[in-house]
C-alpha cells in the first residue's frame, strides 16, 4: 500500500455483507431483489398482560381480606368487584411494561440485507445475505455469499 493519501488509490477489501453479483445460485433459482430489514428482540405481549392479570387478582384478594367488610356485601362480592377492576388495571400495566421493554430493545436492533430468491416452483424465499439459505429441495446450505 502506498501512503499517497488518496483513498481511491488504495485497494478496497470486500466487506462481510457484500454480495458477489455473478455468484451462481442453486439450480432453478434466480435473484428477485434485495431488501433491508431490521431485527430486534421483542417481548411476548400476551405473557406480560397475563402476568399483569394475575398480579391484579392477587391484589384484589389481599384487599378483600385486609379491609373490613362493608355492610350489605359478602367477601365474594367484594372480591368480584375488586377482581374486575384490578385485572383490567393489571392487563393494562402489563401491556405498558411490554411496550417500554419493546422500545428499549429497539436500541440494540440490527439492520441486515436479505436477498429475495425465486425457485423454479415460483415461490419467493428471503435469506440474509451471507447467511443460511436453502436449495430447491429444502436442504440448508451455509455457504457465504459475501466472500
Protein backbone atom coordinates (compact mmCIF):
# COMPACT_ATOMS: atom_id res chain seq x y z
CA UNK A 1 0.00 0.00 0.00
CA UNK A 2 1.13 3.48 -0.67
CA UNK A 3 0.87 6.44 1.63
CA UNK A 4 -0.25 8.86 -1.07
CA UNK A 5 -3.28 9.91 0.94
CA UNK A 6 -5.57 9.16 -1.99
CA UNK A 7 -8.29 6.74 -0.78
CA UNK A 8 -9.14 5.81 -4.38
CA UNK A 9 -5.60 4.57 -4.99
CA UNK A 10 -5.75 2.00 -2.18
CA UNK A 11 -7.42 -1.33 -2.92
CA UNK A 12 -10.68 -1.98 -1.11
CA UNK A 13 -11.42 -5.20 0.67
CA UNK A 14 -14.80 -6.86 0.26
CA UNK A 15 -16.99 -6.32 3.30
CA UNK A 16 -18.63 -9.32 5.04
CA UNK A 17 -22.12 -8.41 3.81
CA UNK A 18 -21.13 -7.66 0.20
CA UNK A 19 -22.84 -9.99 -2.26
CA UNK A 20 -20.99 -11.04 -5.36
CA UNK A 21 -23.49 -10.35 -8.18
CA UNK A 22 -22.28 -13.10 -10.53
CA UNK A 23 -22.23 -15.83 -7.90
CA UNK A 24 -24.17 -18.86 -9.11
CA UNK A 25 -27.31 -19.82 -7.23
CA UNK A 26 -28.70 -23.29 -6.77
CA UNK A 27 -30.18 -24.92 -9.84
CA UNK A 28 -33.53 -23.42 -10.81
CA UNK A 29 -33.17 -20.28 -8.66
CA UNK A 30 -32.83 -16.64 -9.59
CA UNK A 31 -32.39 -13.42 -7.63
CA UNK A 32 -35.56 -11.35 -7.48
CA UNK A 33 -34.29 -8.43 -5.42
CA UNK A 34 -32.72 -7.17 -2.19
CA UNK A 35 -34.36 -5.75 0.92
CA UNK A 36 -33.08 -4.23 4.12
CA UNK A 37 -34.76 -5.46 7.31
CA UNK A 38 -34.39 -4.64 10.99
CA UNK A 39 -34.14 -7.45 13.50
CA UNK A 40 -34.67 -6.95 17.22
CA UNK A 41 -35.87 -8.92 20.20
CA UNK A 42 -39.40 -8.18 21.32
CA UNK A 43 -41.33 -9.20 24.41
CA UNK A 44 -44.31 -11.56 24.35
CA UNK A 45 -47.18 -9.14 24.96
CA UNK A 46 -49.69 -11.84 25.93
CA UNK A 47 -47.39 -13.13 28.67
CA UNK A 48 -46.91 -9.67 30.13
CA UNK A 49 -50.64 -8.99 30.09
CA UNK A 50 -51.36 -12.40 31.67
CA UNK A 51 -48.81 -11.68 34.40
CA UNK A 52 -50.48 -8.32 34.99
CA UNK A 53 -53.89 -10.00 35.29
CA UNK A 54 -52.53 -12.49 37.83
CA UNK A 55 -50.93 -9.72 39.87
CA UNK A 56 -54.25 -7.83 39.72
CA UNK A 57 -56.12 -10.88 41.06
CA UNK A 58 -53.63 -11.26 43.90
CA UNK A 59 -54.01 -7.58 44.82
CA UNK A 60 -57.80 -7.93 44.75
CA UNK A 61 -57.61 -10.99 47.01
CA UNK A 62 -55.35 -9.21 49.50
CA UNK A 63 -57.54 -6.09 49.55
CA UNK A 64 -60.66 -8.20 50.05
CA UNK A 65 -59.42 -9.52 53.38
CA UNK A 66 -57.32 -6.56 54.59
CA UNK A 67 -60.15 -4.03 54.91
CA UNK A 68 -63.29 -4.58 57.00
CA UNK A 69 -66.36 -5.95 55.22
CA UNK A 70 -68.85 -3.20 54.29
CA UNK A 71 -72.45 -3.80 55.33
CA UNK A 72 -74.60 -5.43 52.66
CA UNK A 73 -71.73 -7.13 50.76
CA UNK A 74 -70.19 -10.53 51.37
CA UNK A 75 -66.46 -11.26 50.70
CA UNK A 76 -67.18 -13.00 47.36
CA UNK A 77 -68.92 -9.88 46.02
CA UNK A 78 -66.11 -7.64 47.20
CA UNK A 79 -63.52 -9.94 45.62
CA UNK A 80 -65.51 -9.98 42.36
CA UNK A 81 -65.71 -6.18 42.16
CA UNK A 82 -62.07 -5.66 43.08
CA UNK A 83 -61.03 -8.53 40.80
CA UNK A 84 -62.72 -6.96 37.78
CA UNK A 85 -61.09 -3.62 38.50
CA UNK A 86 -57.58 -4.86 39.23
CA UNK A 87 -57.47 -7.44 36.42
CA UNK A 88 -58.17 -4.67 33.90
CA UNK A 89 -55.60 -2.40 35.54
CA UNK A 90 -53.07 -5.28 35.68
CA UNK A 91 -53.54 -6.16 32.00
CA UNK A 92 -53.07 -2.51 31.05
CA UNK A 93 -49.98 -2.21 33.27
CA UNK A 94 -48.51 -5.41 31.77
CA UNK A 95 -49.08 -4.07 28.26
CA UNK A 96 -47.38 -0.77 29.14
CA UNK A 97 -44.39 -2.61 30.64
CA UNK A 98 -44.12 -4.74 27.48
CA UNK A 99 -44.24 -1.62 25.31
CA UNK A 100 -41.48 0.04 27.34
CA UNK A 101 -39.31 -3.07 27.09
CA UNK A 102 -40.01 -3.26 23.34
CA UNK A 103 -38.96 0.35 22.82
CA UNK A 104 -35.80 -0.20 24.88
CA UNK A 105 -34.90 -3.32 22.89
CA UNK A 106 -35.03 -1.42 19.59
CA UNK A 107 -31.87 0.37 20.68
CA UNK A 108 -29.87 -2.81 20.05
CA UNK A 109 -31.61 -3.61 16.75
CA UNK A 110 -29.57 -4.86 13.81
CA UNK A 111 -30.20 -3.96 10.19
CA UNK A 112 -29.31 -6.62 7.65
CA UNK A 113 -29.65 -7.01 3.91
CA UNK A 114 -31.60 -10.00 2.61
CA UNK A 115 -31.84 -11.41 -0.89
CA UNK A 116 -35.12 -12.43 -2.42
CA UNK A 117 -34.65 -15.66 -4.36
CA UNK A 118 -37.30 -17.26 -6.53
CA UNK A 119 -37.09 -21.01 -7.04
CA UNK A 120 -38.23 -22.98 -10.06
CA UNK A 121 -41.62 -23.59 -8.40
CA UNK A 122 -42.25 -19.82 -8.38
CA UNK A 123 -42.12 -19.25 -4.63
CA UNK A 124 -40.01 -16.39 -3.31
CA UNK A 125 -37.67 -17.04 -0.39
CA UNK A 126 -35.82 -14.44 1.65
CA UNK A 127 -32.43 -15.26 3.10
CA UNK A 128 -29.99 -12.90 4.82
CA UNK A 129 -27.04 -12.14 2.60
CA UNK A 130 -24.16 -14.34 3.66
CA UNK A 131 -26.40 -16.40 5.93
CA UNK A 132 -28.04 -19.81 5.72
CA UNK A 133 -30.01 -20.39 2.54
CA UNK A 134 -32.00 -23.35 1.29
CA UNK A 135 -31.87 -25.15 -2.04
CA UNK A 136 -34.83 -26.30 -4.15
CA UNK A 137 -35.26 -29.48 -2.07
CA UNK A 138 -35.30 -27.52 1.21
CA UNK A 139 -31.80 -28.54 2.36
CA UNK A 140 -29.89 -25.90 4.26
CA UNK A 141 -26.60 -24.56 2.98
CA UNK A 142 -24.29 -22.30 4.94
CA UNK A 143 -22.26 -21.05 2.01
CA UNK A 144 -21.34 -17.43 2.46
CA UNK A 145 -22.29 -15.22 -0.44
CA UNK A 146 -20.18 -12.41 0.96
CA UNK A 147 -16.73 -13.80 0.19
